Each structure stands twice: as C-alpha cells, then as structure tokens.
Amino acid sequence: MTFVVRHAKILLAAYSVLLVIAVFSPSSEQQSGAVVWLGGVLDGWGLPIALTAFSRLEVVMNAAIVAPASFLAGLAFPRFNWRDWTCIGFIASLGVEAVQGWLLPGRVPSFSDVVANTAGALVGAVVLRAVRSMLPPNRSG
C-alpha cells in the first residue's frame, strides 16, 4: 500500500466519522446555524444578497461537505473513477435522506440535498482527477 493511499484511508475514516455525526444528528440546528453564520460573514464582505441567501448557501455547503469525502475516497481507492464516486455519492445521499426521513423526526429529507451532495461528490472526484498528476508516483512504503 502506498504512502498516499494509506494516509488517504486514515483521513477518509476520520472525515467519515465527522460526516456521519453531522448527517445523522437528531436535528439540523447546528448545520443551519453554520449556514446563517457564513451568510453573515459573506454579507459583511458586501456580496449581493442573491449570493448569500440561506437557500443558496445551504446547497453550496451541502456540496462542500461531500467533496472532501469523494476526493479522499478516490485517493484511498484509486481503482474507482470519477463516475463511480459520483454514483456512490448519489446512492449514499439517497440513503442518508431516507434514514433522516424515516428515523429522525427532527430532520427533513430533501431532494435538493441529494442533488447538492451528488454535485459535491462529482466536484471532489473531478478535482482529484485534475491533481492526480501532481501526486508522487505509486510506490510501496
């Protein structure tokens, strides 16, 4: 197992734990608070309200939390390509939203979250593909 793959698996495991805690928490109060906080920061920078609206930032942040997972997964399991990680992201997102809807009464499942999470999975996988040439060559160690 290469150095990059070994470390990517460790980082992916740690990031996955944090992601599971966030998506399966009983309510989305803290996640919504993070969106509101970011909106306030961006408003302070003078960005137009069209870019800082809660609904837009929520979609962007849903994509942003998934992108590192598919990036690290692509490093950890290089036999899968960007299409595979996008599909896996879609299926995982459907599963998360289903669990939220069926088992977590304080959460509201959303198709827009599935779309945003799938887009995030695509972004992470495509970014990895773009930077793969900058990574050290595969070698044991």
N, C-alpha and C. Protein backbone atom coordinates (compact mmCIF):
# COMPACT_ATOMS: atom_id res chain seq x y z
N MET A 1 0.86 -1.17 0.00
CA MET A 1 0.00 0.00 0.00
C MET A 1 0.91 1.24 0.00
N THR A 2 0.61 2.17 -0.87
CA THR A 2 1.44 3.35 -0.98
C THR A 2 1.19 4.30 0.19
N PHE A 3 2.13 5.20 0.37
CA PHE A 3 2.04 6.22 1.41
C PHE A 3 0.76 7.04 1.25
N VAL A 4 0.48 7.48 0.03
CA VAL A 4 -0.70 8.32 -0.23
C VAL A 4 -1.98 7.55 0.07
N VAL A 5 -2.08 6.31 -0.39
CA VAL A 5 -3.28 5.51 -0.17
C VAL A 5 -3.49 5.26 1.32
N ARG A 6 -2.43 4.92 2.02
CA ARG A 6 -2.54 4.64 3.46
C ARG A 6 -3.05 5.88 4.21
N HIS A 7 -2.47 7.01 3.94
CA HIS A 7 -2.88 8.23 4.63
C HIS A 7 -4.26 8.71 4.19
N ALA A 8 -4.59 8.51 2.94
CA ALA A 8 -5.93 8.87 2.46
C ALA A 8 -6.99 8.04 3.17
N LYS A 9 -6.71 6.77 3.40
CA LYS A 9 -7.67 5.91 4.11
C LYS A 9 -7.87 6.37 5.55
N ILE A 10 -6.80 6.78 6.20
CA ILE A 10 -6.90 7.27 7.58
C ILE A 10 -7.71 8.57 7.61
N LEU A 11 -7.38 9.50 6.72
CA LEU A 11 -8.12 10.77 6.66
C LEU A 11 -9.58 10.55 6.28
N LEU A 12 -9.83 9.64 5.35
CA LEU A 12 -11.20 9.34 4.94
C LEU A 12 -12.00 8.77 6.11
N ALA A 13 -11.41 7.89 6.88
CA ALA A 13 -12.10 7.32 8.05
C ALA A 13 -12.45 8.42 9.05
N ALA A 14 -11.51 9.30 9.34
CA ALA A 14 -11.76 10.39 10.29
C ALA A 14 -12.83 11.34 9.76
N TYR A 15 -12.73 11.70 8.49
CA TYR A 15 -13.70 12.62 7.91
C TYR A 15 -15.09 11.97 7.85
N SER A 16 -15.12 10.69 7.56
CA SER A 16 -16.41 9.98 7.50
C SER A 16 -17.11 9.97 8.85
N VAL A 17 -16.35 9.83 9.92
CA VAL A 17 -16.94 9.86 11.27
C VAL A 17 -17.60 11.23 11.49
N LEU A 18 -16.89 12.30 11.16
CA LEU A 18 -17.45 13.64 11.32
C LEU A 18 -18.69 13.83 10.46
N LEU A 19 -18.65 13.33 9.24
CA LEU A 19 -19.79 13.45 8.33
C LEU A 19 -21.00 12.68 8.86
N VAL A 20 -20.78 11.49 9.37
CA VAL A 20 -21.88 10.69 9.93
C VAL A 20 -22.50 11.40 11.12
N ILE A 21 -21.67 11.98 11.97
CA ILE A 21 -22.20 12.74 13.12
C ILE A 21 -23.07 13.90 12.64
N ALA A 22 -22.61 14.60 11.61
CA ALA A 22 -23.37 15.76 11.10
C ALA A 22 -24.68 15.35 10.45
N VAL A 23 -24.65 14.32 9.62
CA VAL A 23 -25.87 13.99 8.86
C VAL A 23 -26.88 13.17 9.65
N PHE A 24 -26.43 12.51 10.70
CA PHE A 24 -27.36 11.71 11.50
C PHE A 24 -27.65 12.31 12.87
N SER A 25 -27.29 13.57 13.07
CA SER A 25 -27.65 14.22 14.34
C SER A 25 -29.17 14.39 14.36
N PRO A 26 -29.76 14.38 15.54
CA PRO A 26 -31.22 14.41 15.64
C PRO A 26 -31.88 15.66 15.05
N SER A 27 -31.16 16.76 15.01
CA SER A 27 -31.73 17.98 14.40
C SER A 27 -30.66 18.62 13.52
N SER A 28 -31.10 19.55 12.70
CA SER A 28 -30.16 20.24 11.82
C SER A 28 -29.89 21.65 12.31
N GLU A 29 -30.12 21.88 13.61
CA GLU A 29 -29.96 23.22 14.18
C GLU A 29 -28.53 23.74 14.02
N GLN A 30 -27.53 22.92 14.33
CA GLN A 30 -26.14 23.37 14.23
C GLN A 30 -25.75 23.59 12.77
N GLN A 31 -26.20 22.71 11.87
CA GLN A 31 -25.87 22.87 10.46
C GLN A 31 -26.50 24.15 9.91
N SER A 32 -27.75 24.41 10.28
CA SER A 32 -28.42 25.64 9.85
C SER A 32 -27.72 26.86 10.42
N GLY A 33 -27.27 26.74 11.66
CA GLY A 33 -26.52 27.85 12.28
C GLY A 33 -25.24 28.15 11.53
N ALA A 34 -24.58 27.12 11.02
CA ALA A 34 -23.36 27.34 10.23
C ALA A 34 -23.66 28.07 8.93
N VAL A 35 -24.79 27.75 8.32
CA VAL A 35 -25.19 28.43 7.08
C VAL A 35 -25.49 29.91 7.38
N VAL A 36 -26.21 30.16 8.46
CA VAL A 36 -26.52 31.54 8.85
C VAL A 36 -25.24 32.31 9.14
N TRP A 37 -24.30 31.69 9.86
CA TRP A 37 -23.03 32.33 10.17
C TRP A 37 -22.28 32.70 8.89
N LEU A 38 -22.17 31.74 7.96
CA LEU A 38 -21.47 32.01 6.70
C LEU A 38 -22.16 33.13 5.94
N GLY A 39 -23.48 33.13 5.92
CA GLY A 39 -24.21 34.21 5.25
C GLY A 39 -23.87 35.56 5.85
N GLY A 40 -23.76 35.63 7.18
CA GLY A 40 -23.38 36.88 7.84
C GLY A 40 -21.99 37.32 7.46
N VAL A 41 -21.06 36.38 7.40
CA VAL A 41 -19.68 36.70 7.00
C VAL A 41 -19.67 37.24 5.57
N LEU A 42 -20.35 36.55 4.68
CA LEU A 42 -20.36 36.97 3.27
C LEU A 42 -21.09 38.30 3.08
N ASP A 43 -22.15 38.52 3.86
CA ASP A 43 -22.84 39.83 3.82
C ASP A 43 -21.88 40.93 4.24
N GLY A 44 -21.07 40.64 5.25
CA GLY A 44 -20.09 41.61 5.74
C GLY A 44 -19.05 41.95 4.69
N TRP A 45 -18.82 41.06 3.77
CA TRP A 45 -17.88 41.32 2.68
C TRP A 45 -18.52 42.09 1.54
N GLY A 46 -19.83 42.36 1.69
CA GLY A 46 -20.53 43.15 0.69
C GLY A 46 -21.03 42.37 -0.52
N LEU A 47 -21.10 41.06 -0.40
CA LEU A 47 -21.61 40.27 -1.53
C LEU A 47 -23.12 40.48 -1.67
N PRO A 48 -23.63 40.40 -2.88
CA PRO A 48 -25.07 40.59 -3.09
C PRO A 48 -25.90 39.53 -2.36
N ILE A 49 -27.08 39.92 -1.93
CA ILE A 49 -27.97 39.01 -1.20
C ILE A 49 -28.32 37.78 -2.05
N ALA A 50 -28.32 37.93 -3.36
CA ALA A 50 -28.61 36.79 -4.23
C ALA A 50 -27.59 35.67 -4.05
N LEU A 51 -26.37 36.03 -3.66
CA LEU A 51 -25.33 35.02 -3.45
C LEU A 51 -25.27 34.53 -2.01
N THR A 52 -25.82 35.31 -1.09
CA THR A 52 -25.70 34.96 0.32
C THR A 52 -27.01 34.48 0.94
N ALA A 53 -28.02 34.28 0.13
CA ALA A 53 -29.31 33.81 0.63
C ALA A 53 -29.14 32.43 1.26
N PHE A 54 -29.88 32.18 2.33
CA PHE A 54 -29.78 30.93 3.08
C PHE A 54 -29.95 29.72 2.15
N SER A 55 -30.96 29.75 1.29
CA SER A 55 -31.24 28.59 0.43
C SER A 55 -30.07 28.28 -0.51
N ARG A 56 -29.40 29.31 -1.01
CA ARG A 56 -28.25 29.08 -1.90
C ARG A 56 -27.05 28.57 -1.12
N LEU A 57 -26.78 29.21 0.01
CA LEU A 57 -25.63 28.79 0.81
C LEU A 57 -25.80 27.37 1.34
N GLU A 58 -27.02 27.00 1.66
CA GLU A 58 -27.28 25.64 2.15
C GLU A 58 -26.91 24.61 1.07
N VAL A 59 -27.27 24.89 -0.16
CA VAL A 59 -26.93 23.97 -1.26
C VAL A 59 -25.42 23.91 -1.45
N VAL A 60 -24.77 25.07 -1.45
CA VAL A 60 -23.32 25.11 -1.64
C VAL A 60 -22.61 24.37 -0.50
N MET A 61 -23.07 24.58 0.72
CA MET A 61 -22.42 23.92 1.85
C MET A 61 -22.69 22.41 1.85
N ASN A 62 -23.85 21.99 1.38
CA ASN A 62 -24.11 20.55 1.25
C ASN A 62 -23.15 19.92 0.26
N ALA A 63 -22.89 20.61 -0.82
CA ALA A 63 -21.93 20.11 -1.81
C ALA A 63 -20.52 20.13 -1.22
N ALA A 64 -20.20 21.20 -0.50
CA ALA A 64 -18.85 21.37 0.03
C ALA A 64 -18.49 20.32 1.08
N ILE A 65 -19.46 19.83 1.84
CA ILE A 65 -19.11 18.85 2.86
C ILE A 65 -18.88 17.46 2.28
N VAL A 66 -19.37 17.22 1.07
CA VAL A 66 -19.21 15.90 0.45
C VAL A 66 -17.96 15.83 -0.43
N ALA A 67 -17.56 16.95 -1.00
CA ALA A 67 -16.41 16.96 -1.92
C ALA A 67 -15.14 16.36 -1.30
N PRO A 68 -14.78 16.71 -0.07
CA PRO A 68 -13.57 16.08 0.50
C PRO A 68 -13.69 14.56 0.64
N ALA A 69 -14.89 14.08 0.89
CA ALA A 69 -15.08 12.63 1.04
C ALA A 69 -14.78 11.91 -0.27
N SER A 70 -15.31 12.41 -1.38
CA SER A 70 -15.05 11.72 -2.66
C SER A 70 -13.60 11.92 -3.10
N PHE A 71 -13.02 13.07 -2.77
CA PHE A 71 -11.60 13.30 -3.08
C PHE A 71 -10.73 12.27 -2.33
N LEU A 72 -10.94 12.16 -1.03
CA LEU A 72 -10.16 11.22 -0.23
C LEU A 72 -10.46 9.77 -0.61
N ALA A 73 -11.72 9.48 -0.91
CA ALA A 73 -12.08 8.12 -1.33
C ALA A 73 -11.38 7.76 -2.64
N GLY A 74 -11.30 8.72 -3.54
CA GLY A 74 -10.60 8.49 -4.81
C GLY A 74 -9.12 8.22 -4.61
N LEU A 75 -8.52 8.91 -3.64
CA LEU A 75 -7.11 8.64 -3.31
C LEU A 75 -6.97 7.27 -2.65
N ALA A 76 -7.89 6.95 -1.74
CA ALA A 76 -7.81 5.71 -0.98
C ALA A 76 -8.10 4.48 -1.82
N PHE A 77 -8.98 4.63 -2.79
CA PHE A 77 -9.39 3.50 -3.64
C PHE A 77 -9.27 3.92 -5.10
N PRO A 78 -8.06 3.97 -5.62
CA PRO A 78 -7.82 4.53 -6.96
C PRO A 78 -8.40 3.72 -8.11
N ARG A 79 -8.85 2.51 -7.86
CA ARG A 79 -9.41 1.72 -8.96
C ARG A 79 -10.77 2.25 -9.42
N PHE A 80 -11.42 3.05 -8.57
CA PHE A 80 -12.69 3.66 -8.95
C PHE A 80 -12.44 5.00 -9.61
N ASN A 81 -13.25 5.34 -10.62
CA ASN A 81 -13.07 6.61 -11.31
C ASN A 81 -14.10 7.65 -10.86
N TRP A 82 -14.04 8.82 -11.46
CA TRP A 82 -14.92 9.92 -11.05
C TRP A 82 -16.38 9.57 -11.22
N ARG A 83 -16.73 8.80 -12.24
CA ARG A 83 -18.13 8.40 -12.43
C ARG A 83 -18.59 7.49 -11.30
N ASP A 84 -17.72 6.58 -10.90
CA ASP A 84 -18.05 5.68 -9.79
C ASP A 84 -18.31 6.47 -8.51
N TRP A 85 -17.43 7.43 -8.20
CA TRP A 85 -17.58 8.21 -6.96
C TRP A 85 -18.82 9.09 -7.01
N THR A 86 -19.16 9.59 -8.18
CA THR A 86 -20.39 10.39 -8.30
C THR A 86 -21.61 9.50 -8.05
N CYS A 87 -21.61 8.30 -8.60
CA CYS A 87 -22.72 7.36 -8.39
C CYS A 87 -22.79 6.94 -6.92
N ILE A 88 -21.65 6.65 -6.33
CA ILE A 88 -21.63 6.27 -4.92
C ILE A 88 -22.14 7.43 -4.06
N GLY A 89 -21.74 8.65 -4.40
CA GLY A 89 -22.24 9.83 -3.68
C GLY A 89 -23.74 9.96 -3.78
N PHE A 90 -24.29 9.71 -4.96
CA PHE A 90 -25.73 9.78 -5.16
C PHE A 90 -26.46 8.74 -4.32
N ILE A 91 -25.98 7.50 -4.37
CA ILE A 91 -26.62 6.41 -3.62
C ILE A 91 -26.50 6.66 -2.11
N ALA A 92 -25.33 7.09 -1.66
CA ALA A 92 -25.15 7.37 -0.23
C ALA A 92 -26.06 8.52 0.21
N SER A 93 -26.18 9.53 -0.63
CA SER A 93 -27.04 10.67 -0.28
C SER A 93 -28.50 10.26 -0.21
N LEU A 94 -28.94 9.43 -1.13
CA LEU A 94 -30.31 8.90 -1.06
C LEU A 94 -30.53 8.14 0.25
N GLY A 95 -29.54 7.33 0.61
CA GLY A 95 -29.63 6.57 1.85
C GLY A 95 -29.70 7.47 3.07
N VAL A 96 -28.87 8.50 3.10
CA VAL A 96 -28.87 9.44 4.23
C VAL A 96 -30.22 10.13 4.34
N GLU A 97 -30.74 10.62 3.23
CA GLU A 97 -32.03 11.33 3.25
C GLU A 97 -33.16 10.38 3.66
N ALA A 98 -33.08 9.13 3.23
CA ALA A 98 -34.11 8.15 3.62
C ALA A 98 -34.07 7.90 5.13
N VAL A 99 -32.87 7.72 5.67
CA VAL A 99 -32.74 7.50 7.11
C VAL A 99 -33.22 8.73 7.88
N GLN A 100 -32.85 9.90 7.41
CA GLN A 100 -33.32 11.13 8.06
C GLN A 100 -34.85 11.20 8.07
N GLY A 101 -35.45 10.85 6.95
CA GLY A 101 -36.90 10.91 6.86
C GLY A 101 -37.62 9.87 7.69
N TRP A 102 -37.06 8.66 7.76
CA TRP A 102 -37.74 7.57 8.45
C TRP A 102 -37.42 7.49 9.94
N LEU A 103 -36.19 7.83 10.31
CA LEU A 103 -35.76 7.57 11.67
C LEU A 103 -35.46 8.82 12.51
N LEU A 104 -35.37 9.97 11.88
CA LEU A 104 -35.01 11.18 12.62
C LEU A 104 -36.11 12.23 12.46
N PRO A 105 -37.08 12.24 13.38
CA PRO A 105 -38.22 13.15 13.24
C PRO A 105 -37.84 14.64 13.24
N GLY A 106 -36.67 14.98 13.77
CA GLY A 106 -36.23 16.37 13.78
C GLY A 106 -35.55 16.80 12.50
N ARG A 107 -35.43 15.89 11.54
CA ARG A 107 -34.77 16.19 10.26
C ARG A 107 -35.80 16.11 9.14
N VAL A 108 -35.60 16.89 8.11
CA VAL A 108 -36.49 16.90 6.95
C VAL A 108 -35.68 16.47 5.73
N PRO A 109 -36.02 15.31 5.14
CA PRO A 109 -35.29 14.88 3.94
C PRO A 109 -35.58 15.83 2.79
N SER A 110 -34.61 15.98 1.92
CA SER A 110 -34.75 16.94 0.83
C SER A 110 -34.08 16.42 -0.43
N PHE A 111 -34.81 16.49 -1.53
CA PHE A 111 -34.23 16.09 -2.80
C PHE A 111 -33.11 17.04 -3.20
N SER A 112 -33.24 18.33 -2.83
CA SER A 112 -32.17 19.27 -3.17
C SER A 112 -30.87 18.91 -2.45
N ASP A 113 -30.97 18.30 -1.26
CA ASP A 113 -29.76 17.83 -0.58
C ASP A 113 -29.12 16.68 -1.36
N VAL A 114 -29.94 15.80 -1.92
CA VAL A 114 -29.41 14.70 -2.73
C VAL A 114 -28.66 15.27 -3.94
N VAL A 115 -29.26 16.24 -4.60
CA VAL A 115 -28.61 16.86 -5.77
C VAL A 115 -27.32 17.55 -5.36
N ALA A 116 -27.37 18.34 -4.27
CA ALA A 116 -26.18 19.06 -3.83
C ALA A 116 -25.07 18.10 -3.40
N ASN A 117 -25.42 17.06 -2.66
CA ASN A 117 -24.41 16.09 -2.22
C ASN A 117 -23.80 15.34 -3.40
N THR A 118 -24.63 15.00 -4.38
CA THR A 118 -24.13 14.33 -5.58
C THR A 118 -23.19 15.26 -6.35
N ALA A 119 -23.55 16.53 -6.44
CA ALA A 119 -22.68 17.51 -7.10
C ALA A 119 -21.36 17.62 -6.34
N GLY A 120 -21.42 17.60 -5.02
CA GLY A 120 -20.20 17.64 -4.22
C GLY A 120 -19.31 16.43 -4.46
N ALA A 121 -19.94 15.26 -4.57
CA ALA A 121 -19.17 14.05 -4.86
C ALA A 121 -18.49 14.16 -6.22
N LEU A 122 -19.20 14.70 -7.19
CA LEU A 122 -18.63 14.91 -8.52
C LEU A 122 -17.46 15.89 -8.45
N VAL A 123 -17.63 17.00 -7.76
CA VAL A 123 -16.57 18.01 -7.66
C VAL A 123 -15.31 17.41 -7.03
N GLY A 124 -15.47 16.71 -5.92
CA GLY A 124 -14.30 16.11 -5.27
C GLY A 124 -13.58 15.12 -6.16
N ALA A 125 -14.33 14.31 -6.88
CA ALA A 125 -13.73 13.32 -7.77
C ALA A 125 -13.05 13.96 -8.97
N VAL A 126 -13.64 15.01 -9.51
CA VAL A 126 -13.05 15.70 -10.66
C VAL A 126 -11.80 16.48 -10.24
N VAL A 127 -11.84 17.10 -9.07
CA VAL A 127 -10.65 17.80 -8.58
C VAL A 127 -9.51 16.79 -8.40
N LEU A 128 -9.81 15.63 -7.84
CA LEU A 128 -8.77 14.61 -7.70
C LEU A 128 -8.20 14.24 -9.06
N ARG A 129 -9.05 14.05 -10.01
CA ARG A 129 -8.57 13.69 -11.35
C ARG A 129 -7.64 14.77 -11.90
N ALA A 130 -7.98 16.03 -11.63
CA ALA A 130 -7.17 17.14 -12.12
C ALA A 130 -5.81 17.22 -11.43
N VAL A 131 -5.74 16.87 -10.15
CA VAL A 131 -4.48 17.00 -9.41
C VAL A 131 -3.70 15.69 -9.31
N ARG A 132 -4.26 14.62 -9.80
CA ARG A 132 -3.59 13.32 -9.69
C ARG A 132 -2.18 13.34 -10.28
N SER A 133 -1.98 14.08 -11.34
CA SER A 133 -0.66 14.13 -11.98
C SER A 133 0.37 14.81 -11.09
N MET A 134 -0.06 15.58 -10.09
CA MET A 134 0.87 16.25 -9.18
C MET A 134 1.26 15.37 -8.00
N LEU A 135 0.61 14.21 -7.86
CA LEU A 135 0.89 13.32 -6.74
C LEU A 135 2.14 12.50 -7.02
N PRO A 136 2.83 12.05 -5.96
CA PRO A 136 4.00 11.22 -6.19
C PRO A 136 3.60 9.91 -6.87
N PRO A 137 4.52 9.34 -7.65
CA PRO A 137 4.19 8.06 -8.32
C PRO A 137 3.96 6.97 -7.28
N ASN A 138 3.13 5.99 -7.70
CA ASN A 138 2.84 4.87 -6.79
C ASN A 138 4.12 4.10 -6.50
N ARG A 139 4.35 3.90 -5.22
CA ARG A 139 5.48 3.08 -4.78
C ARG A 139 5.14 2.53 -3.41
N SER A 140 5.66 1.42 -3.08
CA SER A 140 5.40 0.83 -1.76
C SER A 140 6.21 1.58 -0.72
N GLY A 141 5.67 1.59 0.51
CA GLY A 141 6.48 2.22 1.56
C GLY A 141 5.74 2.83 2.63
